Amino acid sequence: MSDSIQIQVADSHLYPGCAVRIAHLPEQARAAAAVVEFADGSGANATCHRRTLDELELMVDRYATQKRHPVDTRHWLLLAVDATHHSWRVKRRLP
């Protein structure tokens, strides 16, 4: 997955309000493969889709934290925090 998007999360899991950094984003209305790197060193594969300029859907595959806590597949809505669209926050979990 050399062309996958790198996503860095400021914690060991995602939750509403959690800070997220993304260096390069997919084009609008295009799904892209992503690799999510969590602050505890764990990681997961994901798919992201740009809904609007300031909204991103992120579907994170099942993974385990470094403390071996299992986290099921989850679907999230992220909102841009800055004009460069590198800083994001999780708004809410999607169904």
N, C-alpha and C. Protein backbone atom coordinates (compact mmCIF):
# COMPACT_ATOMS: atom_id res chain seq x y z
N MET A 1 0.82 -1.18 0.00
CA MET A 1 0.00 0.00 0.00
C MET A 1 0.87 1.25 0.00
N SER A 2 1.71 1.42 -0.93
CA SER A 2 2.62 2.56 -0.96
C SER A 2 1.90 3.88 -1.18
N ASP A 3 0.73 3.85 -1.81
CA ASP A 3 -0.01 5.08 -2.06
C ASP A 3 -1.08 5.34 -1.01
N SER A 4 -1.03 4.63 0.12
CA SER A 4 -2.04 4.81 1.16
C SER A 4 -1.79 6.09 1.95
N ILE A 5 -2.85 6.63 2.49
CA ILE A 5 -2.80 7.85 3.28
C ILE A 5 -2.34 7.51 4.69
N GLN A 6 -1.44 8.30 5.23
CA GLN A 6 -0.96 8.11 6.60
C GLN A 6 -1.76 8.99 7.54
N ILE A 7 -2.37 8.38 8.54
CA ILE A 7 -3.19 9.09 9.52
C ILE A 7 -2.61 8.85 10.90
N GLN A 8 -2.35 9.94 11.63
CA GLN A 8 -1.79 9.83 12.98
C GLN A 8 -2.84 10.28 13.99
N VAL A 9 -3.07 9.41 14.99
CA VAL A 9 -4.07 9.67 16.02
C VAL A 9 -3.35 9.97 17.33
N ALA A 10 -3.86 10.95 18.08
CA ALA A 10 -3.22 11.40 19.31
C ALA A 10 -3.50 10.52 20.53
N ASP A 11 -4.12 9.36 20.34
CA ASP A 11 -4.44 8.46 21.44
C ASP A 11 -4.36 7.02 20.92
N SER A 12 -4.70 6.06 21.79
CA SER A 12 -4.64 4.64 21.39
C SER A 12 -5.91 4.19 20.68
N HIS A 13 -6.91 5.07 20.60
CA HIS A 13 -8.17 4.77 19.92
C HIS A 13 -8.84 6.08 19.53
N LEU A 14 -9.83 5.99 18.66
CA LEU A 14 -10.58 7.17 18.24
C LEU A 14 -11.82 7.34 19.11
N TYR A 15 -12.24 8.57 19.31
CA TYR A 15 -13.43 8.91 20.08
C TYR A 15 -13.79 10.36 19.74
N PRO A 16 -15.02 10.80 19.96
CA PRO A 16 -15.39 12.18 19.65
C PRO A 16 -14.47 13.17 20.38
N GLY A 17 -13.92 14.11 19.61
CA GLY A 17 -13.00 15.11 20.15
C GLY A 17 -11.54 14.76 19.99
N CYS A 18 -11.23 13.54 19.64
CA CYS A 18 -9.84 13.09 19.48
C CYS A 18 -9.16 13.83 18.32
N ALA A 19 -7.90 14.24 18.53
CA ALA A 19 -7.12 14.93 17.49
C ALA A 19 -6.51 13.93 16.53
N VAL A 20 -6.52 14.31 15.23
CA VAL A 20 -6.01 13.46 14.15
C VAL A 20 -5.19 14.34 13.21
N ARG A 21 -4.05 13.82 12.73
CA ARG A 21 -3.23 14.53 11.74
C ARG A 21 -3.19 13.72 10.46
N ILE A 22 -3.40 14.40 9.32
CA ILE A 22 -3.37 13.76 8.01
C ILE A 22 -2.57 14.66 7.08
N ALA A 23 -1.48 14.15 6.55
CA ALA A 23 -0.61 14.97 5.69
C ALA A 23 -1.20 15.17 4.30
N HIS A 24 -1.73 14.11 3.70
CA HIS A 24 -2.27 14.19 2.34
C HIS A 24 -3.63 13.52 2.30
N LEU A 25 -4.58 14.19 1.68
CA LEU A 25 -5.96 13.71 1.64
C LEU A 25 -6.37 13.21 0.27
N PRO A 26 -7.40 12.33 0.24
CA PRO A 26 -7.92 11.89 -1.06
C PRO A 26 -8.71 13.01 -1.71
N GLU A 27 -8.90 12.90 -3.01
CA GLU A 27 -9.77 13.84 -3.71
C GLU A 27 -11.20 13.64 -3.24
N GLN A 28 -11.99 14.68 -3.34
CA GLN A 28 -13.38 14.59 -2.92
C GLN A 28 -14.10 13.48 -3.69
N ALA A 29 -14.98 12.79 -3.00
CA ALA A 29 -15.80 11.71 -3.56
C ALA A 29 -14.99 10.52 -4.04
N ARG A 30 -13.80 10.34 -3.48
CA ARG A 30 -12.95 9.21 -3.86
C ARG A 30 -12.51 8.47 -2.60
N ALA A 31 -12.75 7.20 -2.56
CA ALA A 31 -12.29 6.39 -1.43
C ALA A 31 -10.81 6.10 -1.59
N ALA A 32 -10.10 6.06 -0.46
CA ALA A 32 -8.67 5.80 -0.51
C ALA A 32 -8.27 4.91 0.67
N ALA A 33 -7.29 4.07 0.44
CA ALA A 33 -6.74 3.23 1.50
C ALA A 33 -5.92 4.10 2.44
N ALA A 34 -5.95 3.75 3.72
CA ALA A 34 -5.21 4.52 4.71
C ALA A 34 -4.59 3.57 5.73
N VAL A 35 -3.53 4.05 6.36
CA VAL A 35 -2.91 3.36 7.48
C VAL A 35 -3.01 4.31 8.67
N VAL A 36 -3.65 3.83 9.75
CA VAL A 36 -3.84 4.64 10.94
C VAL A 36 -2.77 4.25 11.95
N GLU A 37 -2.04 5.25 12.44
CA GLU A 37 -1.00 5.04 13.45
C GLU A 37 -1.47 5.68 14.74
N PHE A 38 -1.62 4.88 15.79
CA PHE A 38 -2.10 5.37 17.08
C PHE A 38 -0.91 5.75 17.96
N ALA A 39 -1.15 6.63 18.94
CA ALA A 39 -0.08 7.15 19.80
C ALA A 39 0.63 6.07 20.61
N ASP A 40 -0.03 4.95 20.88
CA ASP A 40 0.60 3.89 21.66
C ASP A 40 1.45 2.95 20.81
N GLY A 41 1.54 3.23 19.51
CA GLY A 41 2.35 2.39 18.62
C GLY A 41 1.55 1.34 17.86
N SER A 42 0.28 1.18 18.19
CA SER A 42 -0.55 0.24 17.44
C SER A 42 -0.99 0.88 16.13
N GLY A 43 -1.53 0.07 15.25
CA GLY A 43 -1.95 0.58 13.95
C GLY A 43 -3.09 -0.24 13.37
N ALA A 44 -3.72 0.31 12.35
CA ALA A 44 -4.83 -0.38 11.70
C ALA A 44 -4.94 0.09 10.26
N ASN A 45 -5.48 -0.78 9.42
CA ASN A 45 -5.81 -0.38 8.06
C ASN A 45 -7.16 0.33 8.10
N ALA A 46 -7.38 1.20 7.13
CA ALA A 46 -8.62 1.96 7.10
C ALA A 46 -8.94 2.37 5.67
N THR A 47 -10.14 2.89 5.49
CA THR A 47 -10.56 3.49 4.23
C THR A 47 -11.11 4.86 4.56
N CYS A 48 -10.73 5.87 3.80
CA CYS A 48 -11.27 7.20 4.04
C CYS A 48 -11.92 7.73 2.77
N HIS A 49 -12.89 8.58 2.98
CA HIS A 49 -13.66 9.15 1.88
C HIS A 49 -13.96 10.60 2.22
N ARG A 50 -13.57 11.51 1.36
CA ARG A 50 -13.81 12.93 1.59
C ARG A 50 -15.24 13.26 1.21
N ARG A 51 -16.06 13.63 2.20
CA ARG A 51 -17.46 14.00 1.95
C ARG A 51 -17.57 15.39 1.37
N THR A 52 -16.95 16.35 2.06
CA THR A 52 -16.91 17.74 1.63
C THR A 52 -15.49 18.23 1.88
N LEU A 53 -15.24 19.48 1.62
CA LEU A 53 -13.91 20.04 1.85
C LEU A 53 -13.47 19.87 3.30
N ASP A 54 -14.40 20.01 4.24
CA ASP A 54 -14.06 19.96 5.67
C ASP A 54 -14.56 18.73 6.41
N GLU A 55 -15.08 17.72 5.69
CA GLU A 55 -15.57 16.50 6.33
C GLU A 55 -14.94 15.27 5.69
N LEU A 56 -14.57 14.32 6.53
CA LEU A 56 -13.94 13.09 6.07
C LEU A 56 -14.56 11.92 6.81
N GLU A 57 -14.95 10.88 6.07
CA GLU A 57 -15.41 9.63 6.68
C GLU A 57 -14.21 8.70 6.78
N LEU A 58 -14.10 8.04 7.92
CA LEU A 58 -12.99 7.12 8.14
C LEU A 58 -13.52 5.81 8.68
N MET A 59 -13.28 4.71 7.96
CA MET A 59 -13.68 3.38 8.38
C MET A 59 -12.40 2.64 8.79
N VAL A 60 -12.26 2.41 10.10
CA VAL A 60 -11.05 1.79 10.65
C VAL A 60 -11.32 0.31 10.90
N ASP A 61 -10.46 -0.53 10.35
CA ASP A 61 -10.59 -1.98 10.55
C ASP A 61 -10.28 -2.36 12.00
N ARG A 62 -10.72 -3.54 12.37
CA ARG A 62 -10.47 -4.08 13.71
C ARG A 62 -8.97 -4.11 13.99
N TYR A 63 -8.59 -3.78 15.23
CA TYR A 63 -7.18 -3.82 15.63
C TYR A 63 -7.09 -4.03 17.13
N ALA A 64 -5.90 -4.16 17.66
CA ALA A 64 -5.67 -4.28 19.10
C ALA A 64 -4.68 -3.21 19.51
N THR A 65 -4.94 -2.56 20.65
CA THR A 65 -4.01 -1.57 21.18
C THR A 65 -2.74 -2.29 21.66
N GLN A 66 -1.72 -1.54 22.03
CA GLN A 66 -0.50 -2.15 22.55
C GLN A 66 -0.75 -2.94 23.83
N LYS A 67 -1.77 -2.56 24.58
CA LYS A 67 -2.12 -3.30 25.80
C LYS A 67 -3.05 -4.47 25.48
N ARG A 68 -3.18 -4.78 24.18
CA ARG A 68 -3.96 -5.91 23.68
C ARG A 68 -5.47 -5.77 23.89
N HIS A 69 -5.93 -4.55 24.00
CA HIS A 69 -7.38 -4.31 24.08
C HIS A 69 -7.93 -4.33 22.65
N PRO A 70 -8.87 -5.24 22.35
CA PRO A 70 -9.42 -5.31 20.99
C PRO A 70 -10.37 -4.14 20.72
N VAL A 71 -10.26 -3.57 19.54
CA VAL A 71 -11.15 -2.50 19.11
C VAL A 71 -11.79 -2.95 17.80
N ASP A 72 -13.12 -3.03 17.79
CA ASP A 72 -13.84 -3.49 16.61
C ASP A 72 -13.79 -2.45 15.48
N THR A 73 -14.15 -2.89 14.29
CA THR A 73 -14.25 -2.00 13.14
C THR A 73 -15.21 -0.87 13.48
N ARG A 74 -14.79 0.36 13.18
CA ARG A 74 -15.63 1.52 13.49
C ARG A 74 -15.60 2.51 12.33
N HIS A 75 -16.68 3.26 12.22
CA HIS A 75 -16.86 4.25 11.15
C HIS A 75 -17.00 5.62 11.82
N TRP A 76 -16.18 6.60 11.40
CA TRP A 76 -16.11 7.89 12.06
C TRP A 76 -16.29 9.05 11.09
N LEU A 77 -16.79 10.18 11.61
CA LEU A 77 -16.85 11.42 10.86
C LEU A 77 -15.83 12.38 11.47
N LEU A 78 -14.92 12.90 10.64
CA LEU A 78 -13.90 13.84 11.09
C LEU A 78 -14.16 15.21 10.46
N LEU A 79 -13.83 16.26 11.22
CA LEU A 79 -13.97 17.63 10.73
C LEU A 79 -12.61 18.31 10.75
N ALA A 80 -12.34 19.11 9.73
CA ALA A 80 -11.08 19.84 9.64
C ALA A 80 -11.02 20.90 10.74
N VAL A 81 -9.83 21.08 11.33
CA VAL A 81 -9.62 22.06 12.38
C VAL A 81 -8.91 23.29 11.83
N ASP A 82 -8.08 23.11 10.80
CA ASP A 82 -7.33 24.24 10.25
C ASP A 82 -7.52 24.36 8.74
N ALA A 83 -7.10 25.48 8.20
CA ALA A 83 -7.28 25.75 6.77
C ALA A 83 -6.40 24.87 5.88
N THR A 84 -5.32 24.32 6.42
CA THR A 84 -4.44 23.46 5.63
C THR A 84 -5.00 22.05 5.50
N HIS A 85 -5.99 21.72 6.29
CA HIS A 85 -6.61 20.39 6.31
C HIS A 85 -5.62 19.30 6.71
N HIS A 86 -4.68 19.65 7.59
CA HIS A 86 -3.77 18.66 8.17
C HIS A 86 -4.24 18.24 9.56
N SER A 87 -4.90 19.15 10.27
CA SER A 87 -5.40 18.86 11.61
C SER A 87 -6.91 18.62 11.56
N TRP A 88 -7.33 17.54 12.21
CA TRP A 88 -8.73 17.14 12.20
C TRP A 88 -9.14 16.74 13.61
N ARG A 89 -10.44 16.70 13.86
CA ARG A 89 -11.00 16.19 15.11
C ARG A 89 -12.13 15.23 14.76
N VAL A 90 -12.25 14.19 15.56
CA VAL A 90 -13.35 13.27 15.38
C VAL A 90 -14.62 13.95 15.88
N LYS A 91 -15.61 14.06 15.00
CA LYS A 91 -16.89 14.68 15.40
C LYS A 91 -17.79 13.65 16.07
N ARG A 92 -17.97 12.50 15.39
CA ARG A 92 -18.86 11.48 15.96
C ARG A 92 -18.65 10.15 15.24
N ARG A 93 -19.19 9.13 15.87
CA ARG A 93 -19.17 7.80 15.27
C ARG A 93 -20.36 7.69 14.33
N LEU A 94 -20.15 7.07 13.19
CA LEU A 94 -21.20 6.85 12.21
C LEU A 94 -21.70 5.41 12.31
N PRO A 95 -22.95 5.18 11.89
CA PRO A 95 -23.49 3.81 11.94
C PRO A 95 -22.81 2.88 10.95
